[in-house]
C-alpha atoms as a PDB file:
ATOM      1  CA  UNK A   1       0.000   0.000   0.000  1.00  0.00           C
ATOM      2  CA  UNK A   2       1.829   3.098  -1.237  1.00  0.00           C
ATOM      3  CA  UNK A   3      -0.327   5.619   0.631  1.00  0.00           C
ATOM      4  CA  UNK A   4       0.607   4.233   4.050  1.00  0.00           C
ATOM      5  CA  UNK A   5       3.978   2.721   3.038  1.00  0.00           C
ATOM      6  CA  UNK A   6       2.538  -0.568   4.261  1.00  0.00           C
ATOM      7  CA  UNK A   7       3.113  -4.188   3.331  1.00  0.00           C
ATOM      8  CA  UNK A   8       1.830  -7.562   4.444  1.00  0.00           C
ATOM      9  CA  UNK A   9       3.785 -10.810   4.419  1.00  0.00           C
ATOM     10  CA  UNK A  10       1.455 -13.805   4.371  1.00  0.00           C
ATOM     11  CA  UNK A  11       3.130 -16.835   5.967  1.00  0.00           C
ATOM     12  CA  UNK A  12       0.219 -19.265   5.742  1.00  0.00           C
ATOM     13  CA  UNK A  13      -0.966 -21.417   2.859  1.00  0.00           C
ATOM     14  CA  UNK A  14      -4.442 -21.521   4.400  1.00  0.00           C
ATOM     15  CA  UNK A  15      -5.022 -17.881   5.305  1.00  0.00           C
ATOM     16  CA  UNK A  16      -8.756 -17.258   5.296  1.00  0.00           C
ATOM     17  CA  UNK A  17     -10.871 -14.326   6.405  1.00  0.00           C
ATOM     18  CA  UNK A  18     -11.480 -14.612  10.128  1.00  0.00           C
ATOM     19  CA  UNK A  19      -8.484 -16.879  10.790  1.00  0.00           C
ATOM     20  CA  UNK A  20      -6.578 -14.143  12.666  1.00  0.00           C
ATOM     21  CA  UNK A  21      -7.447 -14.567  16.333  1.00  0.00           C
ATOM     22  CA  UNK A  22      -4.933 -12.120  17.788  1.00  0.00           C
ATOM     23  CA  UNK A  23      -2.593  -9.381  16.586  1.00  0.00           C
ATOM     24  CA  UNK A  24       0.543  -8.532  18.557  1.00  0.00           C
ATOM     25  CA  UNK A  25       2.638  -5.405  18.052  1.00  0.00           C
ATOM     26  CA  UNK A  26       6.208  -6.772  17.933  1.00  0.00           C
ATOM     27  CA  UNK A  27       7.788  -3.331  17.593  1.00  0.00           C
ATOM     28  CA  UNK A  28       6.336   0.013  16.526  1.00  0.00           C
ATOM     29  CA  UNK A  29       5.102  -0.491  12.971  1.00  0.00           C
ATOM     30  CA  UNK A  30       5.386  -4.309  13.001  1.00  0.00           C
ATOM     31  CA  UNK A  31       2.274  -6.340  13.802  1.00  0.00           C
ATOM     32  CA  UNK A  32       2.122 -10.132  13.976  1.00  0.00           C
ATOM     33  CA  UNK A  33      -1.125 -11.903  13.093  1.00  0.00           C
ATOM     34  CA  UNK A  34      -1.647 -15.157  15.022  1.00  0.00           C
ATOM     35  CA  UNK A  35      -4.289 -17.865  14.786  1.00  0.00           C
ATOM     36  CA  UNK A  36      -6.159 -19.275  17.798  1.00  0.00           C
ATOM     37  CA  UNK A  37      -3.277 -21.700  18.514  1.00  0.00           C
ATOM     38  CA  UNK A  38      -0.639 -18.957  18.410  1.00  0.00           C
ATOM     39  CA  UNK A  39       0.698 -19.885  14.951  1.00  0.00           C
ATOM     40  CA  UNK A  40       2.128 -16.922  13.035  1.00  0.00           C
ATOM     41  CA  UNK A  41      -0.045 -16.261   9.976  1.00  0.00           C
ATOM     42  CA  UNK A  42       1.380 -13.000   8.714  1.00  0.00           C
ATOM     43  CA  UNK A  43       3.429  -9.896   9.368  1.00  0.00           C
ATOM     44  CA  UNK A  44       2.118  -6.392   8.754  1.00  0.00           C
ATOM     45  CA  UNK A  45       4.617  -3.555   8.420  1.00  0.00           C
ATOM     46  CA  UNK A  46       3.252  -0.012   8.578  1.00  0.00           C
ATOM     47  CA  UNK A  47       5.655   2.761   7.605  1.00  0.00           C
ATOM     48  CA  UNK A  48       8.156   0.447   5.923  1.00  0.00           C
ATOM     49  CA  UNK A  49      10.620   3.263   5.262  1.00  0.00           C
ATOM     50  CA  UNK A  50      10.912   3.972   8.985  1.00  0.00           C
ATOM     51  CA  UNK A  51      10.787   0.327  10.074  1.00  0.00           C
ATOM     52  CA  UNK A  52      13.150  -1.326   7.572  1.00  0.00           C
ATOM     53  CA  UNK A  53      14.719   1.549   5.661  1.00  0.00           C
ATOM     54  CA  UNK A  54      13.079   0.858   2.295  1.00  0.00           C
ATOM     55  CA  UNK A  55       9.709   2.072   1.014  1.00  0.00           C
ATOM     56  CA  UNK A  56       7.196  -0.766   0.649  1.00  0.00           C
ATOM     57  CA  UNK A  57       6.726  -0.138  -3.077  1.00  0.00           C
ATOM     58  CA  UNK A  58      10.483  -0.479  -3.710  1.00  0.00           C
ATOM     59  CA  UNK A  59      10.961  -3.844  -2.007  1.00  0.00           C
ATOM     60  CA  UNK A  60      11.692  -6.977  -4.011  1.00  0.00           C
ATOM     61  CA  UNK A  61      10.014  -9.934  -2.338  1.00  0.00           C
ATOM     62  CA  UNK A  62      11.317 -12.670  -4.530  1.00  0.00           C
ATOM     63  CA  UNK A  63      13.241 -15.376  -2.752  1.00  0.00           C
ATOM     64  CA  UNK A  64      12.560 -17.210   0.462  1.00  0.00           C
ATOM     65  CA  UNK A  65      12.235 -15.897   3.986  1.00  0.00           C
ATOM     66  CA  UNK A  66      15.286 -17.249   5.840  1.00  0.00           C
ATOM     67  CA  UNK A  67      16.432 -17.233   9.439  1.00  0.00           C
ATOM     68  CA  UNK A  68      19.950 -17.055  10.842  1.00  0.00           C
ATOM     69  CA  UNK A  69      20.728 -20.728  10.158  1.00  0.00           C
ATOM     70  CA  UNK A  70      19.751 -20.540   6.481  1.00  0.00           C
ATOM     71  CA  UNK A  71      21.361 -17.123   5.994  1.00  0.00           C
ATOM     72  CA  UNK A  72      24.599 -18.453   7.477  1.00  0.00           C
ATOM     73  CA  UNK A  73      24.476 -21.414   5.074  1.00  0.00           C
ATOM     74  CA  UNK A  74      24.019 -19.035   2.120  1.00  0.00           C
ATOM     75  CA  UNK A  75      27.149 -17.172   3.200  1.00  0.00           C
ATOM     76  CA  UNK A  76      29.200 -20.312   3.858  1.00  0.00           C
ATOM     77  CA  UNK A  77      29.682 -19.407   7.525  1.00  0.00           C
ATOM     78  CA  UNK A  78      28.532 -20.920  10.787  1.00  0.00           C
ATOM     79  CA  UNK A  79      25.799 -19.041  12.655  1.00  0.00           C
ATOM     80  CA  UNK A  80      28.099 -17.262  15.124  1.00  0.00           C
ATOM     81  CA  UNK A  81      30.486 -16.053  12.414  1.00  0.00           C
ATOM     82  CA  UNK A  82      27.603 -15.008  10.167  1.00  0.00           C
ATOM     83  CA  UNK A  83      26.137 -12.863  12.959  1.00  0.00           C
ATOM     84  CA  UNK A  84      29.525 -11.375  13.884  1.00  0.00           C
ATOM     85  CA  UNK A  85      31.049 -10.915  10.423  1.00  0.00           C
ATOM     86  CA  UNK A  86      28.066 -10.123   8.197  1.00  0.00           C
ATOM     87  CA  UNK A  87      24.740  -9.474   9.917  1.00  0.00           C
ATOM     88  CA  UNK A  88      26.293  -6.868  12.220  1.00  0.00           C
ATOM     89  CA  UNK A  89      27.658  -4.780   9.325  1.00  0.00           C
ATOM     90  CA  UNK A  90      26.014  -1.440   8.571  1.00  0.00           C
ATOM     91  CA  UNK A  91      25.716  -2.258   4.861  1.00  0.00           C
ATOM     92  CA  UNK A  92      24.224  -5.742   5.346  1.00  0.00           C
ATOM     93  CA  UNK A  93      20.519  -6.008   4.415  1.00  0.00           C
ATOM     94  CA  UNK A  94      18.205  -5.252   7.299  1.00  0.00           C
ATOM     95  CA  UNK A  95      16.022  -8.149   8.443  1.00  0.00           C
ATOM     96  CA  UNK A  96      12.453  -8.122   7.169  1.00  0.00           C
ATOM     97  CA  UNK A  97      11.436  -8.718  10.770  1.00  0.00           C
ATOM     98  CA  UNK A  98      13.030  -9.422  14.145  1.00  0.00           C
ATOM     99  CA  UNK A  99      11.041 -11.736  16.420  1.00  0.00           C
ATOM    100  CA  UNK A 100      11.751 -13.431  19.723  1.00  0.00           C
ATOM    101  CA  UNK A 101      12.660 -16.503  17.647  1.00  0.00           C
ATOM    102  CA  UNK A 102      15.235 -14.569  15.638  1.00  0.00           C
ATOM    103  CA  UNK A 103      15.857 -12.365  12.625  1.00  0.00           C
ATOM    104  CA  UNK A 104      14.477 -13.111   9.159  1.00  0.00           C
ATOM    105  CA  UNK A 105      15.738 -11.894   5.789  1.00  0.00           C
ATOM    106  CA  UNK A 106      14.798 -12.446   2.180  1.00  0.00           C
ATOM    107  CA  UNK A 107      17.264 -14.874   0.618  1.00  0.00           C
ATOM    108  CA  UNK A 108      17.516 -12.793  -2.538  1.00  0.00           C
ATOM    109  CA  UNK A 109      18.679  -9.734  -0.559  1.00  0.00           C
ATOM    110  CA  UNK A 110      21.426 -11.772   1.116  1.00  0.00           C
ATOM    111  CA  UNK A 111      22.498 -13.336  -2.186  1.00  0.00           C
ATOM    112  CA  UNK A 112      22.654  -9.890  -3.824  1.00  0.00           C
ATOM    113  CA  UNK A 113      24.779  -8.585  -0.937  1.00  0.00           C
ATOM    114  CA  UNK A 114      27.150 -11.562  -1.121  1.00  0.00           C
ATOM    115  CA  UNK A 115      27.613 -11.085  -4.888  1.00  0.00           C
ATOM    116  CA  UNK A 116      28.360  -7.383  -4.350  1.00  0.00           C
ATOM    117  CA  UNK A 117      30.877  -8.174  -1.592  1.00  0.00           C
ATOM    118  CA  UNK A 118      32.595 -10.808  -3.740  1.00  0.00           C
ATOM    119  CA  UNK A 119      33.066  -8.247  -6.508  1.00  0.00           C
ATOM    120  CA  UNK A 120      34.289  -5.607  -4.038  1.00  0.00           C
ATOM    121  CA  UNK A 121      36.510  -8.078  -2.158  1.00  0.00           C
END
């Protein structure tokens, strides 16, 4: 939604109207939609520019949503080294969302960053 710089990430194959039982504000501008059993159905981001640094209408959502383990595998590092050497860098892609269970990125953003670093390195 360009007017509100808003986006929604649907994480459920069976998302139907009325299936959201509870919405939790994870951080300002990030809302988590949960079903009656507490399963995460989707993530709403309002004010994407402020929350993740990129306007919603300029984001490329191709690729998979990956956590630390998968992101580390993409980079060829173990989890600790990935977090220390890459994820902590100012120029590394910002996570799509940070939850109690960890940070999540789009695989394509990480792959693009790694290609750029390989060329620069």
